[in-house]
Amino acid sequence: MKIVKKISEINQIVSDLKKKEKEINLVPTMGNIHEGHLSLLSEAEKFKGVNIVSIFVNPAQFNDVDDFNNYPNTFIEDVEILSKKKCDIIFAPNKNEIFLEDIKTKKTVFEYRNILCDLFRLGHFDGVTTIVKILLDLIRPSNVFFGEKDFQQLKIIEQLINQNNSKTFLIKCPSIRDSNGMSLSSRYSVFSQDQRIKFEQYAKIINSNLLILKKNFNKKAIDNIENELRNFGISKIDYIEVRNEKDLSLSKIHERSRLFIALYLDEIRVIDNFVLY
């Protein structure tokens, strides 16, 4: 496994691979590698070619400086984990390597916006699409792998690839869930013991009501999730909504719909989505 930190070096590697007509599979991450990331790498193993995992904590997608500063940095541990998997190259540039000047982002994707996380994290998805486009242009992968945990992000990246007429295929991978039914997230690694206990309790509330919602779809069941969470101590909830997978419009039926949730456990933002069909 090779670790690359310079754009000039990754450019040369990609050029050599293209000359040899090698396929490239890209798994973009912000590090703090967990089973969710490894599931993307496992999916990449099903395809021919060289597997590249990028590790870059993208400052452009954080609209809160404290959130960026508190994001877990576990590069040494990440390298050790990935060295035991079928990862051929780790591309881990620093901020100055990616952003040669001040960080500048631009809104280039207009679909799936002004709803869900886009309403509460201003500029977040512009930061995401900025770095994803940089990575796609640099590495020119045949396939890029993203999980469904942030489903809105997945849809926006899909639109980014389509409108740029990219030859890269987006491989959508299902969320890997913990035993409590919640999708794995790097943010959860910074939970205190007390927060872990609370999170387990919140997960029970969400999942018990999810079973009810799947059996009897109605607004009362959705409202009940929010009421129970607030009664249990969640003071800040960004949204609890059911939306159609195709266009992320609000939905009133099970078919092709998901329950989307974003809330705060103290200062840590928790997002997830759950298939209702």
Protein backbone atom coordinates (compact mmCIF):
# COMPACT_ATOMS: atom_id res chain seq x y z
CA MET A 1 0.00 0.00 0.00
CA LYS A 2 1.31 3.42 -0.99
CA ILE A 3 0.60 6.72 0.82
CA VAL A 4 0.49 9.76 -1.47
CA LYS A 5 0.23 13.33 -0.18
CA LYS A 6 1.24 15.42 -3.19
CA ILE A 7 -0.98 16.28 -6.15
CA SER A 8 2.01 16.02 -8.48
CA GLU A 9 2.58 12.45 -7.33
CA ILE A 10 -1.05 11.35 -7.65
CA ASN A 11 -1.15 12.95 -11.11
CA GLN A 12 1.82 10.83 -12.18
CA ILE A 13 0.33 7.66 -10.69
CA VAL A 14 -3.03 8.22 -12.39
CA SER A 15 -1.29 9.00 -15.69
CA ASP A 16 0.69 5.76 -15.50
CA LEU A 17 -2.42 3.75 -14.64
CA LYS A 18 -4.35 5.24 -17.55
CA LYS A 19 -1.51 4.42 -19.95
CA LYS A 20 -1.69 0.83 -18.77
CA GLU A 21 -5.50 0.96 -19.19
CA LYS A 22 -6.00 0.15 -15.52
CA GLU A 23 -9.38 0.82 -13.92
CA ILE A 24 -9.42 3.04 -10.81
CA ASN A 25 -11.88 2.70 -7.94
CA LEU A 26 -12.12 5.71 -5.59
CA VAL A 27 -13.46 5.67 -2.03
CA PRO A 28 -13.56 9.28 -0.75
CA THR A 29 -13.43 9.66 3.05
CA MET A 30 -12.65 12.21 5.74
CA GLY A 31 -10.76 9.59 7.72
CA ASN A 32 -11.61 8.07 11.09
CA ILE A 33 -12.12 4.84 9.17
CA HIS A 34 -14.87 2.56 10.47
CA GLU A 35 -16.84 -0.43 9.18
CA GLY A 36 -18.97 1.84 7.03
CA HIS A 37 -15.93 3.01 5.07
CA LEU A 38 -14.60 -0.54 4.88
CA SER A 39 -17.88 -1.70 3.38
CA LEU A 40 -17.30 0.77 0.53
CA LEU A 41 -13.83 -0.67 0.04
CA SER A 42 -15.27 -4.19 0.08
CA GLU A 43 -17.69 -3.13 -2.63
CA ALA A 44 -14.77 -1.71 -4.64
CA GLU A 45 -13.06 -5.11 -4.43
CA LYS A 46 -15.85 -6.51 -6.60
CA PHE A 47 -14.60 -4.36 -9.47
CA LYS A 48 -11.38 -4.73 -11.38
CA GLY A 49 -8.62 -2.19 -10.93
CA VAL A 50 -6.65 -0.18 -8.39
CA ASN A 51 -8.40 0.84 -5.17
CA ILE A 52 -7.66 4.37 -3.94
CA VAL A 53 -8.98 5.67 -0.61
CA SER A 54 -8.78 9.43 -0.20
CA ILE A 55 -8.52 10.91 3.29
CA PHE A 56 -9.19 14.63 3.47
CA VAL A 57 -11.06 16.49 6.21
CA ASN A 58 -12.61 19.11 3.98
CA PRO A 59 -12.79 22.50 5.74
CA ALA A 60 -15.02 23.86 2.99
CA GLN A 61 -17.96 21.70 4.03
CA PHE A 62 -17.99 22.81 7.68
CA ASN A 63 -20.12 25.85 8.45
CA ASP A 64 -19.02 25.68 12.10
CA VAL A 65 -15.33 26.17 12.96
CA ASP A 66 -15.69 24.24 16.22
CA ASP A 67 -17.25 21.33 14.35
CA PHE A 68 -14.26 21.26 12.01
CA ASN A 69 -11.74 21.51 14.85
CA ASN A 70 -13.47 18.73 16.80
CA TYR A 71 -13.66 16.33 13.87
CA PRO A 72 -11.64 13.22 14.82
CA ASN A 73 -8.17 12.97 13.24
CA THR A 74 -6.98 9.36 13.34
CA PHE A 75 -4.67 9.15 10.34
CA ILE A 76 -2.13 6.75 11.89
CA GLU A 77 -4.89 4.36 12.95
CA ASP A 78 -6.58 4.73 9.56
CA VAL A 79 -3.39 3.72 7.73
CA GLU A 80 -3.04 0.66 9.93
CA ILE A 81 -6.64 -0.40 9.27
CA LEU A 82 -6.44 0.16 5.52
CA SER A 83 -3.09 -1.63 5.26
CA LYS A 84 -4.89 -4.84 6.21
CA LYS A 85 -7.51 -4.40 3.48
CA LYS A 86 -7.36 -4.33 -0.30
CA CYS A 87 -6.39 -0.67 -0.43
CA ASP A 88 -3.65 -0.01 -2.96
CA ILE A 89 -3.19 3.74 -2.47
CA ILE A 90 -4.12 6.24 0.23
CA PHE A 91 -4.35 9.78 -1.14
CA ALA A 92 -4.07 12.11 1.84
CA PRO A 93 -3.33 15.69 0.76
CA ASN A 94 -3.26 18.54 3.26
CA LYS A 95 -5.45 21.63 2.98
CA ASN A 96 -2.80 23.75 1.25
CA GLU A 97 -2.22 21.05 -1.35
CA ILE A 98 -5.88 21.00 -2.34
CA PHE A 99 -6.66 24.71 -1.89
CA LEU A 100 -3.67 26.60 -3.21
CA GLU A 101 -5.22 29.92 -2.14
CA ASP A 102 -8.12 30.80 0.15
CA ILE A 103 -10.86 28.22 0.29
CA LYS A 104 -13.42 29.13 -2.34
CA THR A 105 -16.58 27.22 -3.10
CA LYS A 106 -19.27 27.71 -5.70
CA LYS A 107 -22.83 26.50 -5.94
CA THR A 108 -22.83 24.32 -9.03
CA VAL A 109 -25.56 21.80 -8.19
CA PHE A 110 -29.07 23.20 -7.80
CA GLU A 111 -31.08 20.00 -7.56
CA TYR A 112 -32.12 18.56 -4.16
CA ARG A 113 -31.35 21.87 -2.44
CA ASN A 114 -33.18 24.10 0.08
CA ILE A 115 -34.45 21.05 1.95
CA LEU A 116 -33.17 18.79 4.74
CA CYS A 117 -29.52 19.49 5.67
CA ASP A 118 -29.15 22.24 3.06
CA LEU A 119 -31.51 24.41 5.10
CA PHE A 120 -29.46 24.04 8.27
CA ARG A 121 -25.85 23.79 7.06
CA LEU A 122 -25.46 26.75 4.73
CA GLY A 123 -22.72 26.21 2.19
CA HIS A 124 -22.12 22.63 3.31
CA PHE A 125 -23.02 20.92 0.04
CA ASP A 126 -21.15 23.55 -1.98
CA GLY A 127 -18.08 22.54 0.00
CA VAL A 128 -18.81 18.86 -0.61
CA THR A 129 -19.25 19.22 -4.36
CA THR A 130 -16.15 21.42 -4.60
CA ILE A 131 -13.83 18.79 -3.12
CA VAL A 132 -15.57 15.84 -4.81
CA LYS A 133 -15.11 17.49 -8.20
CA ILE A 134 -11.43 18.16 -7.42
CA LEU A 135 -10.95 14.49 -6.48
CA LEU A 136 -12.79 13.23 -9.56
CA ASP A 137 -10.78 15.51 -11.85
CA LEU A 138 -7.49 14.45 -10.24
CA ILE A 139 -8.04 10.70 -9.99
CA ARG A 140 -10.41 10.16 -12.93
CA PRO A 141 -11.87 6.98 -11.40
CA SER A 142 -13.95 4.47 -13.30
CA ASN A 143 -16.06 4.02 -10.16
CA VAL A 144 -16.58 6.14 -7.07
CA PHE A 145 -18.22 4.72 -3.94
CA PHE A 146 -20.52 6.57 -1.54
CA GLY A 147 -22.76 5.31 1.24
CA GLU A 148 -26.46 6.00 1.64
CA LYS A 149 -26.13 7.35 5.19
CA ASP A 150 -26.18 10.93 3.87
CA PHE A 151 -28.77 10.30 1.18
CA GLN A 152 -29.17 13.96 0.20
CA GLN A 153 -25.41 14.19 -0.34
CA LEU A 154 -25.57 11.04 -2.47
CA LYS A 155 -28.26 12.57 -4.70
CA ILE A 156 -26.32 15.83 -5.06
CA ILE A 157 -23.10 14.00 -5.99
CA GLU A 158 -25.05 11.92 -8.50
CA GLN A 159 -26.30 15.15 -10.06
CA LEU A 160 -22.76 16.60 -10.03
CA ILE A 161 -21.46 13.60 -11.97
CA ASN A 162 -24.34 13.68 -14.45
CA GLN A 163 -24.17 17.39 -15.24
CA ASN A 164 -20.40 17.22 -15.77
CA ASN A 165 -20.85 14.32 -18.21
CA SER A 166 -18.33 12.38 -16.16
CA LYS A 167 -17.30 8.90 -17.24
CA THR A 168 -17.23 7.89 -13.57
CA PHE A 169 -19.92 5.54 -12.32
CA LEU A 170 -21.40 6.33 -8.91
CA ILE A 171 -21.76 3.13 -6.87
CA LYS A 172 -24.36 3.60 -4.12
CA CYS A 173 -23.74 1.45 -1.06
CA PRO A 174 -26.24 0.75 1.74
CA SER A 175 -25.58 2.10 5.22
CA ILE A 176 -23.77 -0.13 7.67
CA ARG A 177 -25.68 -0.07 10.92
CA ASP A 178 -24.67 -0.68 14.49
CA SER A 179 -26.50 -3.19 16.63
CA ASN A 180 -28.77 -0.33 17.78
CA GLY A 181 -30.04 0.11 14.21
CA MET A 182 -28.33 3.46 13.58
CA SER A 183 -25.90 4.06 10.71
CA LEU A 184 -22.23 4.19 11.66
CA SER A 185 -20.60 7.62 11.71
CA SER A 186 -17.13 8.98 12.44
CA ARG A 187 -18.67 11.62 14.68
CA TYR A 188 -19.86 8.98 17.13
CA SER A 189 -16.28 8.09 18.03
CA VAL A 190 -16.11 11.25 20.15
CA PHE A 191 -19.16 10.36 22.26
CA SER A 192 -18.61 10.44 26.00
CA GLN A 193 -19.84 7.46 27.99
CA ASP A 194 -22.93 9.43 29.01
CA GLN A 195 -23.61 10.38 25.40
CA ARG A 196 -23.27 6.76 24.31
CA ILE A 197 -25.92 5.75 26.84
CA LYS A 198 -28.24 8.53 25.67
CA PHE A 199 -27.64 7.60 22.03
CA GLU A 200 -28.70 4.01 22.69
CA GLN A 201 -31.89 5.28 24.31
CA TYR A 202 -32.63 7.64 21.42
CA ALA A 203 -32.01 4.80 18.96
CA LYS A 204 -34.64 2.68 20.72
CA ILE A 205 -37.18 5.49 20.41
CA ILE A 206 -36.49 5.95 16.70
CA ASN A 207 -36.50 2.26 15.85
CA SER A 208 -39.60 1.36 17.84
CA ASN A 209 -41.55 4.14 16.13
CA LEU A 210 -40.05 3.17 12.78
CA LEU A 211 -41.73 -0.23 13.06
CA ILE A 212 -45.06 1.49 13.71
CA LEU A 213 -44.53 3.86 10.79
CA LYS A 214 -43.80 1.01 8.40
CA LYS A 215 -47.03 -0.73 9.38
CA ASN A 216 -49.28 2.33 9.50
CA PHE A 217 -47.99 5.32 7.57
CA ASN A 218 -49.49 8.54 8.95
CA LYS A 219 -48.41 11.98 10.16
CA LYS A 220 -49.27 11.12 13.76
CA ALA A 221 -46.60 8.39 13.76
CA ILE A 222 -44.02 10.90 12.48
CA ASP A 223 -45.03 13.51 15.07
CA ASN A 224 -44.82 10.87 17.79
CA ILE A 225 -41.13 10.29 17.04
CA GLU A 226 -40.39 13.98 17.57
CA ASN A 227 -42.53 14.19 20.72
CA GLU A 228 -40.86 11.17 22.32
CA LEU A 229 -37.38 12.45 21.48
CA ARG A 230 -38.13 15.88 22.93
CA ASN A 231 -39.68 14.38 26.06
CA PHE A 232 -36.55 12.31 26.49
CA GLY A 233 -34.28 15.33 26.33
CA ILE A 234 -33.51 16.16 22.69
CA SER A 235 -33.80 19.94 22.57
CA LYS A 236 -32.67 20.57 19.00
CA ILE A 237 -34.20 18.72 16.04
CA ASP A 238 -33.52 20.03 12.54
CA TYR A 239 -36.00 17.78 10.79
CA ILE A 240 -37.97 14.53 10.92
CA GLU A 241 -39.51 14.03 7.48
CA VAL A 242 -40.54 11.35 5.02
CA ARG A 243 -39.35 11.95 1.48
CA ASN A 244 -39.39 10.12 -1.84
CA GLU A 245 -36.04 8.62 -2.86
CA LYS A 246 -36.32 9.71 -6.49
CA ASP A 247 -36.60 13.48 -6.12
CA LEU A 248 -36.56 13.99 -2.32
CA SER A 249 -40.06 15.49 -2.40
CA LEU A 250 -42.22 15.11 0.70
CA SER A 251 -44.01 11.79 0.63
CA LYS A 252 -47.21 10.41 2.08
CA ILE A 253 -46.71 6.80 1.05
CA HIS A 254 -44.30 3.99 1.91
CA GLU A 255 -43.33 3.22 -1.66
CA ARG A 256 -39.77 4.36 -2.49
CA SER A 257 -39.75 6.56 0.59
CA ARG A 258 -37.42 7.06 3.54
CA LEU A 259 -37.63 8.63 6.98
CA PHE A 260 -35.00 11.38 7.29
CA ILE A 261 -33.81 12.55 10.71
CA ALA A 262 -31.34 15.21 11.88
CA LEU A 263 -30.99 16.07 15.56
CA TYR A 264 -28.38 17.05 18.12
CA LEU A 265 -27.08 14.99 20.99
CA ASP A 266 -25.61 17.85 23.01
CA GLU A 267 -23.29 19.52 20.45
CA ILE A 268 -22.97 16.49 18.14
CA ARG A 269 -25.21 16.42 15.08
CA VAL A 270 -26.78 13.06 14.27
CA ILE A 271 -28.27 12.34 10.83
CA ASP A 272 -29.75 9.15 9.47
CA ASN A 273 -32.36 7.84 7.07
CA PHE A 274 -34.47 4.70 7.12
CA VAL A 275 -36.11 2.81 4.26
CA LEU A 276 -39.87 2.51 4.78
CA TYR A 277 -40.64 -0.15 2.15
